[in-house]
Protein backbone atom coordinates (compact mmCIF):
# COMPACT_ATOMS: atom_id res chain seq x y z
CA MET A 1 -2.20 25.63 -8.89
CA ILE A 2 -0.16 26.46 -5.80
CA LEU A 3 3.51 25.77 -6.32
CA LEU A 4 4.58 22.67 -4.43
CA ALA A 5 7.82 24.37 -3.50
CA ALA A 6 5.84 27.00 -1.62
CA VAL A 7 4.24 24.52 0.75
CA LEU A 8 6.76 21.71 1.08
CA SER A 9 10.02 21.79 2.94
CA VAL A 10 13.05 21.65 0.63
CA LEU A 11 15.49 18.77 1.07
CA THR A 12 18.37 20.12 3.15
CA PRO A 13 21.91 19.98 1.73
CA GLU A 14 22.91 17.68 4.58
CA ALA A 15 20.07 15.25 3.88
CA ARG A 16 20.81 15.36 0.16
CA ASP A 17 24.50 14.65 0.68
CA SER A 18 23.70 11.77 3.03
CA LEU A 19 21.39 10.14 0.48
CA LEU A 20 23.90 10.70 -2.33
CA ALA A 21 26.54 8.96 -0.24
CA GLU A 22 24.19 5.96 0.06
CA THR A 23 23.76 5.92 -3.73
CA PRO A 24 27.35 5.88 -5.01
CA GLY A 25 26.57 4.06 -8.22
CA ASN A 26 24.11 6.71 -9.37
CA ALA A 27 25.11 9.78 -7.36
CA ALA A 28 26.28 11.77 -10.41
CA PHE A 29 22.90 11.41 -12.12
CA TRP A 30 20.93 12.46 -9.05
CA SER A 31 23.29 15.33 -8.24
CA GLU A 32 22.90 16.75 -11.75
CA ALA A 33 19.11 16.27 -11.79
CA LEU A 34 18.59 17.94 -8.41
CA SER A 35 20.95 20.80 -9.27
CA SER A 36 19.12 21.58 -12.50
CA GLY A 37 15.57 21.31 -11.14
CA ARG A 38 13.41 24.33 -10.34
CA GLY A 39 10.01 24.96 -8.75
CA ASP A 40 7.52 22.10 -8.90
CA MET A 41 9.94 19.95 -10.88
CA LEU A 42 12.54 20.21 -8.12
CA SER A 43 9.99 19.52 -5.39
CA CYS A 44 8.86 16.36 -7.17
CA MET A 45 12.41 15.16 -7.79
CA GLU A 46 13.37 15.79 -4.17
CA GLU A 47 10.26 13.95 -2.98
CA LEU A 48 11.12 10.89 -5.04
CA PHE A 49 14.82 11.05 -4.19
CA SER A 50 14.12 11.17 -0.45
CA THR A 51 11.29 8.60 -0.28
CA ILE A 52 11.98 5.83 -2.81
CA PRO A 53 13.98 2.73 -1.79
CA ARG A 54 17.76 2.83 -2.16
CA LEU A 55 17.71 0.28 -4.98
CA ASP A 56 15.27 2.49 -6.88
CA ARG A 57 17.64 5.44 -6.51
CA LEU A 58 20.36 3.26 -8.00
CA GLU A 59 18.16 2.14 -10.92
CA MET A 60 16.62 5.53 -11.74
CA ASN A 61 17.58 7.22 -15.00
CA SER A 62 16.69 10.45 -16.75
CA GLU A 63 13.98 8.91 -18.93
CA ALA A 64 12.13 7.33 -16.00
CA LEU A 65 12.52 10.33 -13.68
CA MET A 66 11.23 12.83 -16.23
CA ASP A 67 8.43 10.50 -17.27
CA HIS A 68 7.12 10.29 -13.73
CA VAL A 69 7.67 13.91 -12.71
CA ILE A 70 6.37 15.55 -15.88
CA GLY A 71 3.61 12.97 -16.29
CA ALA A 72 2.34 13.52 -12.75
CA LEU A 73 2.51 17.33 -12.96
CA ASP A 74 0.84 17.48 -16.39
CA SER A 75 -2.04 15.21 -15.33
CA ARG A 76 -2.56 16.58 -11.82
CA ASP A 77 -5.62 18.67 -12.73
CA SER A 78 -7.14 16.17 -15.18
CA TRP A 79 -9.88 14.95 -12.82
CA VAL A 80 -9.69 16.59 -9.39
CA ASP A 81 -9.61 20.33 -8.79
CA SER A 82 -7.22 21.56 -6.09
CA MET A 83 -5.72 18.16 -5.36
CA PRO A 84 -3.95 18.34 -1.96
CA ASP A 85 -0.17 18.20 -2.23
CA SER A 86 0.01 15.19 0.09
CA LEU A 87 -2.40 13.27 -2.12
CA PHE A 88 -0.48 14.24 -5.23
CA MET A 89 2.90 13.29 -3.80
CA ASP A 90 1.88 9.97 -2.25
CA PHE A 91 -0.62 8.60 -4.75
CA LEU A 92 0.00 10.22 -8.15
CA LEU A 93 3.69 11.10 -8.29
CA GLN A 94 4.84 7.81 -6.73
CA TYR A 95 5.23 5.12 -9.39
CA ARG A 96 5.61 1.76 -7.62
CA PHE A 97 2.94 -0.69 -6.41
CA ASP A 98 5.00 -3.79 -5.70
CA ASP A 99 8.46 -5.01 -6.71
CA GLU A 100 8.21 -4.07 -10.39
CA PRO A 101 11.32 -2.53 -11.97
CA VAL A 102 11.87 1.21 -12.32
CA THR A 103 10.64 2.10 -15.81
CA ALA A 104 9.18 5.01 -17.76
CA TYR A 105 5.57 3.95 -18.31
CA ARG A 106 3.31 7.01 -18.02
CA THR A 107 3.54 8.38 -21.55
CA PRO A 108 3.10 5.04 -23.38
CA LEU A 109 0.28 3.91 -21.06
CA MET A 110 -1.49 7.27 -21.35
CA THR A 111 -1.26 7.07 -25.15
CA HIS A 112 -2.55 3.47 -25.10
CA TRP A 113 -5.58 4.21 -22.94
CA ASN A 114 -6.49 7.55 -24.49
CA ALA A 115 -6.76 5.85 -27.87
CA ARG A 116 -9.15 3.25 -26.43
CA LEU A 117 -11.20 5.69 -24.37
CA ALA A 118 -11.71 8.30 -27.08
CA ASP A 119 -15.25 7.19 -28.05
CA SER A 120 -16.46 6.14 -24.58
CA ASP A 121 -17.95 7.85 -21.54
CA THR A 122 -15.33 10.24 -20.18
CA THR A 123 -16.58 10.55 -16.60
CA LEU A 124 -14.03 9.49 -14.00
CA ALA A 125 -15.99 6.46 -12.80
CA ALA A 126 -16.56 5.28 -16.38
CA VAL A 127 -12.88 5.66 -17.32
CA VAL A 128 -11.76 3.71 -14.24
CA GLU A 129 -14.28 0.95 -14.95
CA ARG A 130 -13.23 0.70 -18.61
CA VAL A 131 -9.55 0.34 -17.67
CA ARG A 132 -10.39 -2.09 -14.85
CA TRP A 133 -12.49 -4.21 -17.21
CA SER A 134 -9.77 -4.28 -19.87
CA VAL A 135 -7.07 -5.32 -17.41
CA GLY A 136 -9.46 -7.76 -15.74
CA THR A 137 -10.02 -9.68 -18.99
CA MET A 138 -6.30 -10.32 -19.52
CA ARG A 139 -4.81 -13.77 -19.08
CA VAL A 140 -3.95 -14.65 -15.47
CA ARG A 141 -0.87 -16.77 -14.89
CA GLN A 142 0.51 -18.28 -11.72
CA PRO A 143 3.49 -16.55 -10.09
CA ASP A 144 6.93 -17.97 -10.74
CA ILE A 145 8.82 -18.32 -7.47
CA MET A 146 11.98 -16.94 -9.06
CA GLY A 147 10.29 -14.76 -11.68
CA GLY A 148 10.00 -11.38 -9.98
CA VAL A 149 7.37 -8.81 -10.99
CA ALA A 150 7.19 -7.58 -14.59
CA GLY A 151 6.81 -3.88 -15.36
CA PRO A 152 3.42 -2.55 -16.53
CA ARG A 153 4.47 -2.05 -20.16
CA ASP A 154 5.68 -5.65 -20.39
CA VAL A 155 2.44 -6.94 -18.85
CA LEU A 156 0.39 -4.91 -21.31
CA ALA A 157 2.46 -6.12 -24.27
CA SER A 158 2.17 -9.78 -23.22
CA GLY A 159 -1.56 -9.59 -22.62
CA GLY A 160 -1.41 -11.16 -19.18
CA GLY A 161 0.38 -11.57 -15.90
CA THR A 162 0.18 -12.73 -12.32
CA PRO A 163 -2.47 -11.20 -10.06
CA VAL A 164 0.18 -8.84 -8.67
CA GLU A 165 1.37 -7.86 -12.16
CA LEU A 166 -2.18 -7.14 -13.32
CA ARG A 167 -2.67 -4.98 -10.24
CA VAL A 168 0.55 -3.14 -11.07
CA LEU A 169 -0.69 -2.54 -14.62
CA LEU A 170 -4.06 -1.26 -13.40
CA GLY A 171 -2.53 1.14 -10.88
CA SER A 172 0.13 2.37 -13.30
CA SER A 173 -2.49 2.90 -16.02
CA LEU A 174 -4.76 4.95 -13.77
CA ARG A 175 -1.87 7.07 -12.51
CA SER A 176 -0.74 7.67 -16.08
CA LEU A 177 -4.19 9.19 -16.69
CA GLY A 178 -3.85 11.48 -13.66
CA ILE A 179 -5.96 9.40 -11.26
CA PRO A 180 -4.53 9.02 -7.72
CA VAL A 181 -4.33 5.36 -6.66
CA ARG A 182 -3.40 3.66 -3.42
CA ALA A 183 -2.61 0.01 -2.69
CA VAL A 184 -4.50 -1.70 0.14
CA LEU A 185 -3.60 -4.87 2.00
CA GLY A 186 -6.30 -6.87 3.75
CA TRP A 187 -6.75 -10.00 5.88
CA PHE A 188 -9.88 -12.14 5.51
CA GLN A 189 -11.65 -14.69 7.74
CA GLY A 190 -13.43 -17.88 6.77
CA THR A 191 -12.47 -21.28 5.41
CA ALA A 192 -10.23 -19.62 2.83
CA GLY A 193 -8.88 -17.05 5.27
CA ARG A 194 -5.88 -15.29 3.81
CA GLU A 195 -4.03 -12.08 3.09
CA GLY A 196 -5.04 -10.22 -0.08
CA GLY A 197 -4.50 -6.97 -1.92
CA TRP A 198 -6.40 -4.55 -4.14
CA LEU A 199 -6.32 -0.95 -5.35
CA GLU A 200 -8.45 2.11 -4.64
CA TYR A 201 -8.72 5.37 -6.58
CA TRP A 202 -9.49 8.89 -5.38
CA ASP A 203 -12.68 10.40 -6.85
CA GLY A 204 -12.30 13.84 -5.30
CA ALA A 205 -14.24 12.98 -2.14
CA GLY A 206 -12.94 9.60 -0.98
CA TRP A 207 -11.29 6.32 -1.88
CA ILE A 208 -13.21 3.91 -4.11
CA PRO A 209 -12.17 0.20 -4.26
CA VAL A 210 -11.36 -1.05 -7.74
CA PRO A 211 -10.55 -4.77 -7.30
CA LEU A 212 -9.70 -7.03 -10.22
CA PRO A 213 -11.20 -10.51 -10.69
CA SER A 214 -7.70 -11.92 -10.19
CA ASP A 215 -7.58 -10.37 -6.71
CA SER A 216 -10.19 -13.00 -5.74
CA LEU A 217 -11.82 -10.89 -3.03
CA PRO A 218 -15.08 -11.92 -1.32
CA THR A 219 -18.17 -10.04 -2.51
CA GLY A 220 -18.61 -6.84 -0.53
CA PHE A 221 -15.36 -7.54 1.33
CA GLY A 222 -17.20 -10.16 3.38
CA GLY A 223 -15.11 -11.51 6.25
CA LEU A 224 -12.61 -8.65 6.15
CA SER A 225 -10.72 -8.49 9.43
CA LEU A 226 -8.20 -5.75 8.78
CA ALA A 227 -7.26 -3.43 5.93
CA VAL A 228 -4.32 -1.04 5.76
CA ALA A 229 -3.23 1.50 3.18
CA GLY A 230 0.34 2.59 3.76
CA ASP A 231 0.48 3.28 7.49
CA GLU A 232 -3.25 3.95 7.87
CA TYR A 233 -5.95 1.56 9.08
CA VAL A 234 -8.89 1.72 6.65
CA THR A 235 -10.96 -1.28 7.78
CA SER A 236 -13.93 0.81 8.92
CA GLU A 237 -14.22 2.37 5.45
CA LEU A 238 -15.21 -1.06 4.09
CA VAL A 239 -16.96 -3.13 6.78
CA PRO A 240 -18.49 -2.71 10.26
CA THR A 241 -15.80 -2.90 12.93
CA GLY A 242 -15.35 -3.40 16.64
CA THR A 243 -12.40 -3.11 19.01
CA ILE A 244 -10.17 -5.43 21.01
CA ALA A 245 -8.84 -3.42 23.96
CA PHE A 246 -5.83 -4.78 25.85
CA SER A 247 -5.10 -4.08 29.50
CA PRO A 248 -1.31 -4.24 29.97
CA VAL A 249 0.51 -6.91 31.92
CA GLU A 250 0.98 -6.21 35.60
CA GLY A 251 4.61 -7.08 36.04
CA PRO A 252 7.85 -7.38 34.09
CA SER A 253 7.23 -6.91 30.39
CA ASP A 254 10.73 -7.60 29.06
CA SER A 255 10.81 -10.13 26.22
CA LEU A 256 7.00 -10.15 25.89
CA LEU A 257 5.33 -10.31 22.48
CA LEU A 258 1.64 -9.67 21.79
CA ALA A 259 0.01 -10.74 18.52
CA VAL A 260 -3.45 -11.33 17.02
CA SER A 261 -4.47 -13.86 14.38
CA ILE A 262 -7.55 -15.16 12.59
CA PRO A 263 -8.45 -18.78 13.41
CA CYS A 264 -9.10 -20.73 10.20
CA PRO A 265 -9.67 -24.47 9.73
CA GLY A 266 -6.37 -26.17 10.50
CA ARG A 267 -4.31 -22.99 10.79
CA TYR A 268 -4.07 -19.36 11.90
CA VAL A 269 -3.71 -16.32 9.66
CA PRO A 270 -1.55 -13.80 11.53
CA LEU A 271 -2.33 -10.09 11.30
CA ASP A 272 1.31 -9.41 10.55
CA TRP A 273 0.95 -5.67 10.04
CA VAL A 274 -0.29 -5.07 13.61
CA GLU A 275 2.21 -3.97 16.25
CA LEU A 276 1.02 -4.10 19.87
CA ASP A 277 2.89 -3.33 23.09
CA PRO A 278 1.78 -5.56 26.01
CA SER A 279 3.32 -3.17 28.53
CA LEU A 280 0.92 -0.35 27.56
CA PRO A 281 -2.86 -0.01 27.20
CA CYS A 282 -3.53 -0.55 23.49
CA SER A 283 -6.28 -1.56 21.11
CA ILE A 284 -6.95 -2.73 17.57
CA GLU A 285 -9.98 -2.03 15.39
CA VAL A 286 -11.04 -5.05 13.33
CA GLY A 287 -14.00 -6.41 11.45
CA GLU A 288 -16.66 -8.53 13.14
CA GLY A 289 -15.56 -12.08 13.86
CA SER A 290 -13.50 -14.41 16.02
CA TYR A 291 -9.84 -13.84 16.81
CA MET A 292 -7.05 -15.40 18.81
CA VAL A 293 -4.80 -13.31 21.02
CA HIS A 294 -1.29 -14.70 21.54
CA LEU A 295 1.05 -13.66 24.33
CA SER A 296 4.55 -15.07 24.54
CA ARG A 297 7.64 -14.53 26.66
CA ARG A 298 11.20 -15.52 25.86
CA LEU A 299 12.99 -16.95 28.87
CA PRO A 300 16.65 -16.29 29.79
CA THR A 301 17.33 -19.93 28.99
CA GLY A 302 16.20 -19.37 25.40
CA GLY A 303 12.87 -21.17 25.79
CA VAL A 304 9.49 -19.54 25.13
CA ARG A 305 6.31 -19.56 27.20
CA PHE A 306 3.19 -19.13 25.08
CA ALA A 307 -0.52 -18.59 25.83
CA SER A 308 -3.55 -17.92 23.62
CA ALA A 309 -7.09 -16.74 24.31
CA PRO A 310 -10.10 -16.14 22.04
CA ALA A 311 -11.65 -12.74 21.39
CA GLY A 312 -15.05 -12.19 19.80
CA VAL A 313 -15.68 -8.85 18.10
CA THR A 314 -19.09 -7.40 17.26
CA ALA A 315 -19.84 -4.26 15.25
CA GLY A 316 -19.49 -1.21 17.46
CA GLY A 317 -18.50 -3.35 20.45
CA VAL A 318 -15.38 -3.46 22.61
CA PHE A 319 -13.86 -6.76 23.71
CA GLU A 320 -11.83 -6.22 26.88
CA MET A 321 -8.77 -8.44 27.04
CA ARG A 322 -6.84 -8.58 30.32
CA LEU A 323 -3.43 -9.92 29.42
CA THR A 324 -2.69 -10.86 33.04
CA ASP A 325 -5.66 -13.25 32.93
CA MET A 326 -3.96 -15.35 30.26
CA GLU A 327 -2.28 -18.49 31.58
CA LEU A 328 1.27 -17.32 31.15
CA GLU A 329 3.82 -17.11 33.95
CA LEU A 330 5.07 -13.55 33.72
């Protein structure tokens, strides 16, 4: 295996000091950990230190840090030969899927699943399906508005959780076994149009969806309008797509906002993840279906002018949308 330190840029002293200054309550721990790290261990610790949220840096401790770093390094070659460093760093080393607490879960989850997988098919697809089935049969409870998200070990011990908590357990379990996992967010059309989430695992050649029953996704991702993984659009990997192409406004563009939503009975489901600039030519790739384009302008008086227009998208087609044709005084 190529040393990560040989291919990744090392965190500069200036960047390290800046992050330490933002983490005063836990700076001593991080300073000691980073000073004592070497080689791949140091590269992994620096990656986590520089990419995790500030609150995670404050909550991190030696047990959790070593669990994730050593667990990821030791399991890196379990299923995929020559795993790219970017894939390893983003989808195996990283430990969070939602707002669950920072905990050491890899070793106990790996021990749990290895004991249950010992006498079963050990191919990657079979292992993923066995874990997915086990998590999918757990009790599903409704989210508590003030309850937060339980950690994967607590969900496993209780035998159930919210749809998000079960997804967290599934992703954490697969990563504990050395299987890269990414979280995907999608928006669906239809009478029950909504935003939803699921997980996908890397099989060495591509990403394979592994939804849970509690994710409540349409069969075959029917009606999918948009899917994103991190900062990447992945809609076309799941369903046929077309394009809405926007011609920019011809005039002042200050205070203009451009948005797209899915029309559903009695409401609209906004594609919140999409950022579009009405002053520039831009486009969005979405699944087949009907959409509403919204253009608004805030006036100096504080009021807002608003206009909407429909857009129909077919597979492989391009719907041309001239923003200046919308009935909005620019």
